[in-house]
mmCIF file of all heavy atoms, coordinates in Angstrom:
data_MODEL
# 
_entry.id   MODEL 
# 
loop_
_atom_site.group_PDB 
_atom_site.id 
_atom_site.type_symbol 
_atom_site.label_atom_id 
_atom_site.label_alt_id 
_atom_site.label_comp_id 
_atom_site.label_asym_id 
_atom_site.label_entity_id 
_atom_site.label_seq_id 
_atom_site.pdbx_PDB_ins_code 
_atom_site.Cartn_x 
_atom_site.Cartn_y 
_atom_site.Cartn_z 
_atom_site.occupancy 
_atom_site.B_iso_or_equiv 
_atom_site.pdbx_formal_charge 
_atom_site.auth_seq_id 
_atom_site.auth_comp_id 
_atom_site.auth_asym_id 
_atom_site.auth_atom_id 
_atom_site.pdbx_PDB_model_num 
ATOM 1   N N   . THR A 1 1  ? 7.731  4.830  11.167  1.00 0.00 ? 1  THR A N   1 
ATOM 2   C CA  . THR A 1 1  ? 6.388  5.323  10.728  1.00 0.00 ? 1  THR A CA  1 
ATOM 3   C C   . THR A 1 1  ? 6.416  5.922  9.307   1.00 0.00 ? 1  THR A C   1 
ATOM 4   O O   . THR A 1 1  ? 5.432  5.596  8.573   1.00 0.00 ? 1  THR A O   1 
ATOM 5   C CB  . THR A 1 1  ? 5.899  6.473  11.652  1.00 0.00 ? 1  THR A CB  1 
ATOM 6   O OG1 . THR A 1 1  ? 5.922  5.979  13.045  1.00 0.00 ? 1  THR A OG1 1 
ATOM 7   C CG2 . THR A 1 1  ? 4.635  7.015  11.353  1.00 0.00 ? 1  THR A CG2 1 
ATOM 8   N N   . ALA A 1 2  ? 7.437  6.525  8.960   1.00 0.00 ? 2  ALA A N   1 
ATOM 9   C CA  . ALA A 1 2  ? 7.681  7.048  7.569   1.00 0.00 ? 2  ALA A CA  1 
ATOM 10  C C   . ALA A 1 2  ? 7.723  5.812  6.493   1.00 0.00 ? 2  ALA A C   1 
ATOM 11  O O   . ALA A 1 2  ? 7.045  5.951  5.568   1.00 0.00 ? 2  ALA A O   1 
ATOM 12  C CB  . ALA A 1 2  ? 9.001  7.919  7.444   1.00 0.00 ? 2  ALA A CB  1 
ATOM 13  N N   . ALA A 1 3  ? 8.461  4.801  6.980   1.00 0.00 ? 3  ALA A N   1 
ATOM 14  C CA  . ALA A 1 3  ? 8.503  3.689  6.067   1.00 0.00 ? 3  ALA A CA  1 
ATOM 15  C C   . ALA A 1 3  ? 7.216  3.022  5.971   1.00 0.00 ? 3  ALA A C   1 
ATOM 16  O O   . ALA A 1 3  ? 6.746  2.579  4.819   1.00 0.00 ? 3  ALA A O   1 
ATOM 17  C CB  . ALA A 1 3  ? 9.535  2.652  6.684   1.00 0.00 ? 3  ALA A CB  1 
ATOM 18  N N   . ARG A 1 4  ? 6.397  2.935  7.064   1.00 0.00 ? 4  ARG A N   1 
ATOM 19  C CA  . ARG A 1 4  ? 5.107  2.257  7.065   1.00 0.00 ? 4  ARG A CA  1 
ATOM 20  C C   . ARG A 1 4  ? 4.109  3.213  6.127   1.00 0.00 ? 4  ARG A C   1 
ATOM 21  O O   . ARG A 1 4  ? 3.311  2.691  5.342   1.00 0.00 ? 4  ARG A O   1 
ATOM 22  C CB  . ARG A 1 4  ? 4.513  2.213  8.421   1.00 0.00 ? 4  ARG A CB  1 
ATOM 23  C CG  . ARG A 1 4  ? 3.166  1.359  8.478   1.00 0.00 ? 4  ARG A CG  1 
ATOM 24  C CD  . ARG A 1 4  ? 2.756  1.120  9.878   1.00 0.00 ? 4  ARG A CD  1 
ATOM 25  N NE  . ARG A 1 4  ? 2.354  2.468  10.605  1.00 0.00 ? 4  ARG A NE  1 
ATOM 26  C CZ  . ARG A 1 4  ? 2.825  2.701  11.745  1.00 0.00 ? 4  ARG A CZ  1 
ATOM 27  N NH1 . ARG A 1 4  ? 3.654  1.910  12.443  1.00 0.00 ? 4  ARG A NH1 1 
ATOM 28  N NH2 . ARG A 1 4  ? 2.466  3.881  12.301  1.00 0.00 ? 4  ARG A NH2 1 
ATOM 29  N N   . VAL A 1 5  ? 4.212  4.448  6.220   1.00 0.00 ? 5  VAL A N   1 
ATOM 30  C CA  . VAL A 1 5  ? 3.427  5.299  5.446   1.00 0.00 ? 5  VAL A CA  1 
ATOM 31  C C   . VAL A 1 5  ? 3.721  5.254  4.015   1.00 0.00 ? 5  VAL A C   1 
ATOM 32  O O   . VAL A 1 5  ? 2.858  5.167  3.074   1.00 0.00 ? 5  VAL A O   1 
ATOM 33  C CB  . VAL A 1 5  ? 3.395  6.803  5.969   1.00 0.00 ? 5  VAL A CB  1 
ATOM 34  C CG1 . VAL A 1 5  ? 2.873  7.763  4.946   1.00 0.00 ? 5  VAL A CG1 1 
ATOM 35  C CG2 . VAL A 1 5  ? 2.757  6.941  7.269   1.00 0.00 ? 5  VAL A CG2 1 
ATOM 36  N N   . LEU A 1 6  ? 5.001  5.202  3.641   1.00 0.00 ? 6  LEU A N   1 
ATOM 37  C CA  . LEU A 1 6  ? 5.425  4.884  2.290   1.00 0.00 ? 6  LEU A CA  1 
ATOM 38  C C   . LEU A 1 6  ? 4.909  3.606  1.699   1.00 0.00 ? 6  LEU A C   1 
ATOM 39  O O   . LEU A 1 6  ? 4.451  3.612  0.562   1.00 0.00 ? 6  LEU A O   1 
ATOM 40  C CB  . LEU A 1 6  ? 7.033  5.054  2.288   1.00 0.00 ? 6  LEU A CB  1 
ATOM 41  C CG  . LEU A 1 6  ? 7.619  4.884  0.888   1.00 0.00 ? 6  LEU A CG  1 
ATOM 42  C CD1 . LEU A 1 6  ? 7.208  6.068  -0.054  1.00 0.00 ? 6  LEU A CD1 1 
ATOM 43  C CD2 . LEU A 1 6  ? 9.092  4.628  1.005   1.00 0.00 ? 6  LEU A CD2 1 
ATOM 44  N N   . LEU A 1 7  ? 4.972  2.584  2.513   1.00 0.00 ? 7  LEU A N   1 
ATOM 45  C CA  . LEU A 1 7  ? 4.539  1.301  2.067   1.00 0.00 ? 7  LEU A CA  1 
ATOM 46  C C   . LEU A 1 7  ? 3.071  1.284  1.847   1.00 0.00 ? 7  LEU A C   1 
ATOM 47  O O   . LEU A 1 7  ? 2.527  0.596  0.912   1.00 0.00 ? 7  LEU A O   1 
ATOM 48  C CB  . LEU A 1 7  ? 4.968  0.114  3.047   1.00 0.00 ? 7  LEU A CB  1 
ATOM 49  C CG  . LEU A 1 7  ? 6.414  -0.242 2.958   1.00 0.00 ? 7  LEU A CG  1 
ATOM 50  C CD1 . LEU A 1 7  ? 6.780  -1.200 4.129   1.00 0.00 ? 7  LEU A CD1 1 
ATOM 51  C CD2 . LEU A 1 7  ? 6.805  -0.866 1.655   1.00 0.00 ? 7  LEU A CD2 1 
ATOM 52  N N   . GLN A 1 8  ? 2.292  2.021  2.844   1.00 0.00 ? 8  GLN A N   1 
ATOM 53  C CA  . GLN A 1 8  ? 0.845  2.043  2.641   1.00 0.00 ? 8  GLN A CA  1 
ATOM 54  C C   . GLN A 1 8  ? 0.508  2.848  1.326   1.00 0.00 ? 8  GLN A C   1 
ATOM 55  O O   . GLN A 1 8  ? -0.435 2.418  0.597   1.00 0.00 ? 8  GLN A O   1 
ATOM 56  C CB  . GLN A 1 8  ? 0.282  2.800  3.850   1.00 0.00 ? 8  GLN A CB  1 
ATOM 57  C CG  . GLN A 1 8  ? 0.164  1.973  5.143   1.00 0.00 ? 8  GLN A CG  1 
ATOM 58  C CD  . GLN A 1 8  ? -0.271 2.832  6.169   1.00 0.00 ? 8  GLN A CD  1 
ATOM 59  O OE1 . GLN A 1 8  ? -0.383 4.077  6.220   1.00 0.00 ? 8  GLN A OE1 1 
ATOM 60  N NE2 . GLN A 1 8  ? -0.596 2.160  7.389   1.00 0.00 ? 8  GLN A NE2 1 
ATOM 61  N N   . THR A 1 9  ? 1.202  3.823  1.140   1.00 0.00 ? 9  THR A N   1 
ATOM 62  C CA  . THR A 1 9  ? 0.940  4.665  -0.147  1.00 0.00 ? 9  THR A CA  1 
ATOM 63  C C   . THR A 1 9  ? 1.206  3.820  -1.380  1.00 0.00 ? 9  THR A C   1 
ATOM 64  O O   . THR A 1 9  ? 0.452  3.781  -2.314  1.00 0.00 ? 9  THR A O   1 
ATOM 65  C CB  . THR A 1 9  ? 1.824  5.882  -0.173  1.00 0.00 ? 9  THR A CB  1 
ATOM 66  O OG1 . THR A 1 9  ? 1.631  6.634  0.973   1.00 0.00 ? 9  THR A OG1 1 
ATOM 67  C CG2 . THR A 1 9  ? 1.588  6.741  -1.404  1.00 0.00 ? 9  THR A CG2 1 
ATOM 68  N N   . GLN A 1 10 ? 2.233  3.027  -1.438  1.00 0.00 ? 10 GLN A N   1 
ATOM 69  C CA  . GLN A 1 10 ? 2.498  2.170  -2.554  1.00 0.00 ? 10 GLN A CA  1 
ATOM 70  C C   . GLN A 1 10 ? 1.588  1.090  -2.664  1.00 0.00 ? 10 GLN A C   1 
ATOM 71  O O   . GLN A 1 10 ? 1.197  0.643  -3.763  1.00 0.00 ? 10 GLN A O   1 
ATOM 72  C CB  . GLN A 1 10 ? 4.056  1.612  -2.302  1.00 0.00 ? 10 GLN A CB  1 
ATOM 73  C CG  . GLN A 1 10 ? 5.126  2.675  -2.633  1.00 0.00 ? 10 GLN A CG  1 
ATOM 74  C CD  . GLN A 1 10 ? 6.496  2.091  -2.418  1.00 0.00 ? 10 GLN A CD  1 
ATOM 75  O OE1 . GLN A 1 10 ? 6.618  0.874  -1.925  1.00 0.00 ? 10 GLN A OE1 1 
ATOM 76  N NE2 . GLN A 1 10 ? 7.494  2.773  -2.789  1.00 0.00 ? 10 GLN A NE2 1 
ATOM 77  N N   . GLY A 1 11 ? 1.044  0.543  -1.520  1.00 0.00 ? 11 GLY A N   1 
ATOM 78  C CA  . GLY A 1 11 ? 0.093  -0.476 -1.447  1.00 0.00 ? 11 GLY A CA  1 
ATOM 79  C C   . GLY A 1 11 ? -1.226 0.035  -2.036  1.00 0.00 ? 11 GLY A C   1 
ATOM 80  O O   . GLY A 1 11 ? -1.893 -0.646 -2.875  1.00 0.00 ? 11 GLY A O   1 
ATOM 81  N N   . ARG A 1 12 ? -1.621 1.246  -1.644  1.00 0.00 ? 12 ARG A N   1 
ATOM 82  C CA  . ARG A 1 12 ? -2.810 1.827  -2.192  1.00 0.00 ? 12 ARG A CA  1 
ATOM 83  C C   . ARG A 1 12 ? -2.737 2.103  -3.690  1.00 0.00 ? 12 ARG A C   1 
ATOM 84  O O   . ARG A 1 12 ? -3.640 1.873  -4.490  1.00 0.00 ? 12 ARG A O   1 
ATOM 85  C CB  . ARG A 1 12 ? -3.215 3.083  -1.598  1.00 0.00 ? 12 ARG A CB  1 
ATOM 86  C CG  . ARG A 1 12 ? -3.651 2.846  -0.128  1.00 0.00 ? 12 ARG A CG  1 
ATOM 87  C CD  . ARG A 1 12 ? -4.204 4.111  0.562   1.00 0.00 ? 12 ARG A CD  1 
ATOM 88  N NE  . ARG A 1 12 ? -4.392 3.893  2.020   1.00 0.00 ? 12 ARG A NE  1 
ATOM 89  C CZ  . ARG A 1 12 ? -3.810 4.511  2.980   1.00 0.00 ? 12 ARG A CZ  1 
ATOM 90  N NH1 . ARG A 1 12 ? -2.900 5.411  2.706   1.00 0.00 ? 12 ARG A NH1 1 
ATOM 91  N NH2 . ARG A 1 12 ? -4.046 4.159  4.245   1.00 0.00 ? 12 ARG A NH2 1 
ATOM 92  N N   . SER A 1 13 ? -1.528 2.479  -4.128  1.00 0.00 ? 13 SER A N   1 
ATOM 93  C CA  . SER A 1 13 ? -1.311 2.665  -5.511  1.00 0.00 ? 13 SER A CA  1 
ATOM 94  C C   . SER A 1 13 ? -1.348 1.395  -6.246  1.00 0.00 ? 13 SER A C   1 
ATOM 95  O O   . SER A 1 13 ? -1.856 1.374  -7.364  1.00 0.00 ? 13 SER A O   1 
ATOM 96  C CB  . SER A 1 13 ? 0.049  3.355  -5.797  1.00 0.00 ? 13 SER A CB  1 
ATOM 97  O OG  . SER A 1 13 ? 0.181  4.555  -5.203  1.00 0.00 ? 13 SER A OG  1 
ATOM 98  N N   . ALA A 1 14 ? -0.891 0.323  -5.751  1.00 0.00 ? 14 ALA A N   1 
ATOM 99  C CA  . ALA A 1 14 ? -0.888 -0.999 -6.369  1.00 0.00 ? 14 ALA A CA  1 
ATOM 100 C C   . ALA A 1 14 ? -2.288 -1.483 -6.418  1.00 0.00 ? 14 ALA A C   1 
ATOM 101 O O   . ALA A 1 14 ? -2.718 -2.198 -7.438  1.00 0.00 ? 14 ALA A O   1 
ATOM 102 C CB  . ALA A 1 14 ? -0.094 -1.938 -5.609  1.00 0.00 ? 14 ALA A CB  1 
ATOM 103 N N   . THR A 1 15 ? -3.245 -1.212 -5.501  1.00 0.00 ? 15 THR A N   1 
ATOM 104 C CA  . THR A 1 15 ? -4.625 -1.598 -5.549  1.00 0.00 ? 15 THR A CA  1 
ATOM 105 C C   . THR A 1 15 ? -5.390 -1.006 -6.695  1.00 0.00 ? 15 THR A C   1 
ATOM 106 O O   . THR A 1 15 ? -6.345 -1.612 -7.159  1.00 0.00 ? 15 THR A O   1 
ATOM 107 C CB  . THR A 1 15 ? -5.349 -1.409 -4.144  1.00 0.00 ? 15 THR A CB  1 
ATOM 108 O OG1 . THR A 1 15 ? -5.300 0.008  -3.867  1.00 0.00 ? 15 THR A OG1 1 
ATOM 109 C CG2 . THR A 1 15 ? -4.795 -2.250 -3.086  1.00 0.00 ? 15 THR A CG2 1 
ATOM 110 N N   . MET A 1 16 ? -4.928 0.179  -7.109  1.00 0.00 ? 16 MET A N   1 
ATOM 111 C CA  . MET A 1 16 ? -5.627 0.743  -8.272  1.00 0.00 ? 16 MET A CA  1 
ATOM 112 C C   . MET A 1 16 ? -5.380 0.083  -9.496  1.00 0.00 ? 16 MET A C   1 
ATOM 113 O O   . MET A 1 16 ? -6.053 0.142  -10.405 1.00 0.00 ? 16 MET A O   1 
ATOM 114 C CB  . MET A 1 16 ? -5.069 2.298  -8.399  1.00 0.00 ? 16 MET A CB  1 
ATOM 115 C CG  . MET A 1 16 ? -5.577 3.294  -7.319  1.00 0.00 ? 16 MET A CG  1 
ATOM 116 S SD  . MET A 1 16 ? -5.093 4.851  -7.826  1.00 0.00 ? 16 MET A SD  1 
ATOM 117 C CE  . MET A 1 16 ? -4.323 5.371  -6.390  1.00 0.00 ? 16 MET A CE  1 
ATOM 118 N N   . PHE A 1 17 ? -4.273 -0.672 -9.522  1.00 0.00 ? 17 PHE A N   1 
ATOM 119 C CA  . PHE A 1 17 ? -3.919 -1.427 -10.783 1.00 0.00 ? 17 PHE A CA  1 
ATOM 120 C C   . PHE A 1 17 ? -4.282 -2.841 -10.626 1.00 0.00 ? 17 PHE A C   1 
ATOM 121 O O   . PHE A 1 17 ? -3.868 -3.719 -11.439 1.00 0.00 ? 17 PHE A O   1 
ATOM 122 C CB  . PHE A 1 17 ? -2.404 -1.304 -11.083 1.00 0.00 ? 17 PHE A CB  1 
ATOM 123 C CG  . PHE A 1 17 ? -1.925 0.109  -11.412 1.00 0.00 ? 17 PHE A CG  1 
ATOM 124 C CD1 . PHE A 1 17 ? -1.267 0.879  -10.516 1.00 0.00 ? 17 PHE A CD1 1 
ATOM 125 C CD2 . PHE A 1 17 ? -2.408 0.613  -12.637 1.00 0.00 ? 17 PHE A CD2 1 
ATOM 126 C CE1 . PHE A 1 17 ? -0.876 2.203  -10.863 1.00 0.00 ? 17 PHE A CE1 1 
ATOM 127 C CE2 . PHE A 1 17 ? -1.969 1.905  -12.888 1.00 0.00 ? 17 PHE A CE2 1 
ATOM 128 C CZ  . PHE A 1 17 ? -1.199 2.698  -12.116 1.00 0.00 ? 17 PHE A CZ  1 
ATOM 129 N N   . GLY A 1 18 ? -5.107 -3.227 -9.625  1.00 0.00 ? 18 GLY A N   1 
ATOM 130 C CA  . GLY A 1 18 ? -5.647 -4.541 -9.499  1.00 0.00 ? 18 GLY A CA  1 
ATOM 131 C C   . GLY A 1 18 ? -4.914 -5.489 -8.546  1.00 0.00 ? 18 GLY A C   1 
ATOM 132 O O   . GLY A 1 18 ? -5.113 -6.685 -8.293  1.00 0.00 ? 18 GLY A O   1 
ATOM 133 N N   . ALA A 1 19 ? -3.772 -4.930 -7.779  1.00 0.00 ? 19 ALA A N   1 
ATOM 134 C CA  . ALA A 1 19 ? -3.068 -5.722 -6.897  1.00 0.00 ? 19 ALA A CA  1 
ATOM 135 C C   . ALA A 1 19 ? -3.857 -5.888 -5.633  1.00 0.00 ? 19 ALA A C   1 
ATOM 136 O O   . ALA A 1 19 ? -4.667 -5.018 -5.264  1.00 0.00 ? 19 ALA A O   1 
ATOM 137 C CB  . ALA A 1 19 ? -1.672 -5.188 -6.598  1.00 0.00 ? 19 ALA A CB  1 
ATOM 138 N N   . PRO A 1 20 ? -3.686 -6.995 -4.803  1.00 0.00 ? 20 PRO A N   1 
ATOM 139 C CA  . PRO A 1 20 ? -4.325 -7.099 -3.520  1.00 0.00 ? 20 PRO A CA  1 
ATOM 140 C C   . PRO A 1 20 ? -3.963 -6.080 -2.562  1.00 0.00 ? 20 PRO A C   1 
ATOM 141 O O   . PRO A 1 20 ? -2.862 -5.494 -2.567  1.00 0.00 ? 20 PRO A O   1 
ATOM 142 C CB  . PRO A 1 20 ? -3.964 -8.495 -3.049  1.00 0.00 ? 20 PRO A CB  1 
ATOM 143 C CG  . PRO A 1 20 ? -2.792 -8.925 -3.849  1.00 0.00 ? 20 PRO A CG  1 
ATOM 144 C CD  . PRO A 1 20 ? -2.787 -8.070 -5.129  1.00 0.00 ? 20 PRO A CD  1 
ATOM 145 N N   . ASP A 1 21 ? -4.946 -5.739 -1.663  1.00 0.00 ? 21 ASP A N   1 
ATOM 146 C CA  . ASP A 1 21 ? -4.691 -4.684 -0.647  1.00 0.00 ? 21 ASP A CA  1 
ATOM 147 C C   . ASP A 1 21 ? -3.901 -5.302 0.448   1.00 0.00 ? 21 ASP A C   1 
ATOM 148 O O   . ASP A 1 21 ? -4.409 -6.053 1.283   1.00 0.00 ? 21 ASP A O   1 
ATOM 149 C CB  . ASP A 1 21 ? -6.067 -4.085 -0.192  1.00 0.00 ? 21 ASP A CB  1 
ATOM 150 C CG  . ASP A 1 21 ? -5.793 -2.936 0.698   1.00 0.00 ? 21 ASP A CG  1 
ATOM 151 O OD1 . ASP A 1 21 ? -4.638 -2.292 0.795   1.00 0.00 ? 21 ASP A OD1 1 
ATOM 152 O OD2 . ASP A 1 21 ? -6.742 -2.478 1.313   1.00 0.00 ? 21 ASP A OD2 1 
ATOM 153 N N   . TRP A 1 22 ? -2.683 -4.925 0.725   1.00 0.00 ? 22 TRP A N   1 
ATOM 154 C CA  . TRP A 1 22 ? -1.874 -5.385 1.881   1.00 0.00 ? 22 TRP A CA  1 
ATOM 155 C C   . TRP A 1 22 ? -1.604 -4.366 2.854   1.00 0.00 ? 22 TRP A C   1 
ATOM 156 O O   . TRP A 1 22 ? -0.706 -4.594 3.681   1.00 0.00 ? 22 TRP A O   1 
ATOM 157 C CB  . TRP A 1 22 ? -0.650 -6.179 1.339   1.00 0.00 ? 22 TRP A CB  1 
ATOM 158 C CG  . TRP A 1 22 ? 0.115  -5.422 0.184   1.00 0.00 ? 22 TRP A CG  1 
ATOM 159 C CD1 . TRP A 1 22 ? -0.283 -5.591 -1.091  1.00 0.00 ? 22 TRP A CD1 1 
ATOM 160 C CD2 . TRP A 1 22 ? 1.199  -4.468 0.268   1.00 0.00 ? 22 TRP A CD2 1 
ATOM 161 N NE1 . TRP A 1 22 ? 0.607  -4.787 -1.897  1.00 0.00 ? 22 TRP A NE1 1 
ATOM 162 C CE2 . TRP A 1 22 ? 1.554  -4.313 -1.138  1.00 0.00 ? 22 TRP A CE2 1 
ATOM 163 C CE3 . TRP A 1 22 ? 1.959  -4.044 1.274   1.00 0.00 ? 22 TRP A CE3 1 
ATOM 164 C CZ2 . TRP A 1 22 ? 2.556  -3.282 -1.281  1.00 0.00 ? 22 TRP A CZ2 1 
ATOM 165 C CZ3 . TRP A 1 22 ? 3.050  -3.286 0.974   1.00 0.00 ? 22 TRP A CZ3 1 
ATOM 166 C CH2 . TRP A 1 22 ? 3.321  -2.879 -0.315  1.00 0.00 ? 22 TRP A CH2 1 
ATOM 167 N N   . THR A 1 23 ? -2.254 -3.226 2.845   1.00 0.00 ? 23 THR A N   1 
ATOM 168 C CA  . THR A 1 23 ? -1.946 -2.115 3.742   1.00 0.00 ? 23 THR A CA  1 
ATOM 169 C C   . THR A 1 23 ? -2.350 -2.496 5.201   1.00 0.00 ? 23 THR A C   1 
ATOM 170 O O   . THR A 1 23 ? -1.736 -2.079 6.048   1.00 0.00 ? 23 THR A O   1 
ATOM 171 C CB  . THR A 1 23 ? -2.644 -0.856 3.338   1.00 0.00 ? 23 THR A CB  1 
ATOM 172 O OG1 . THR A 1 23 ? -4.013 -1.108 3.164   1.00 0.00 ? 23 THR A OG1 1 
ATOM 173 C CG2 . THR A 1 23 ? -2.166 -0.320 2.022   1.00 0.00 ? 23 THR A CG2 1 
ATOM 174 N N   . GLN A 1 24 ? -3.424 -3.288 5.348   1.00 0.00 ? 24 GLN A N   1 
ATOM 175 C CA  . GLN A 1 24 ? -3.807 -3.702 6.685   1.00 0.00 ? 24 GLN A CA  1 
ATOM 176 C C   . GLN A 1 24 ? -2.706 -4.543 7.509   1.00 0.00 ? 24 GLN A C   1 
ATOM 177 O O   . GLN A 1 24 ? -2.446 -4.415 8.544   1.00 0.00 ? 24 GLN A O   1 
ATOM 178 C CB  . GLN A 1 24 ? -5.147 -4.615 6.713   1.00 0.00 ? 24 GLN A CB  1 
ATOM 179 C CG  . GLN A 1 24 ? -6.325 -3.757 6.243   1.00 0.00 ? 24 GLN A CG  1 
ATOM 180 C CD  . GLN A 1 24 ? -6.572 -2.664 7.124   1.00 0.00 ? 24 GLN A CD  1 
ATOM 181 O OE1 . GLN A 1 24 ? -6.499 -2.727 8.368   1.00 0.00 ? 24 GLN A OE1 1 
ATOM 182 N NE2 . GLN A 1 24 ? -7.042 -1.550 6.588   1.00 0.00 ? 24 GLN A NE2 1 
ATOM 183 N N   . ALA A 1 25 ? -2.061 -5.417 6.599   1.00 0.00 ? 25 ALA A N   1 
ATOM 184 C CA  . ALA A 1 25 ? -0.909 -6.165 7.206   1.00 0.00 ? 25 ALA A CA  1 
ATOM 185 C C   . ALA A 1 25 ? 0.147  -5.305 7.561   1.00 0.00 ? 25 ALA A C   1 
ATOM 186 O O   . ALA A 1 25 ? 0.741  -5.545 8.661   1.00 0.00 ? 25 ALA A O   1 
ATOM 187 C CB  . ALA A 1 25 ? -0.483 -7.317 6.228   1.00 0.00 ? 25 ALA A CB  1 
# 
């Protein structure tokens, strides 16, 4: 769960810079 939350946080941060949103996956 901690790893998933960390990846979600990084995914959201990456979407701010124009990367695709992969948090749902």
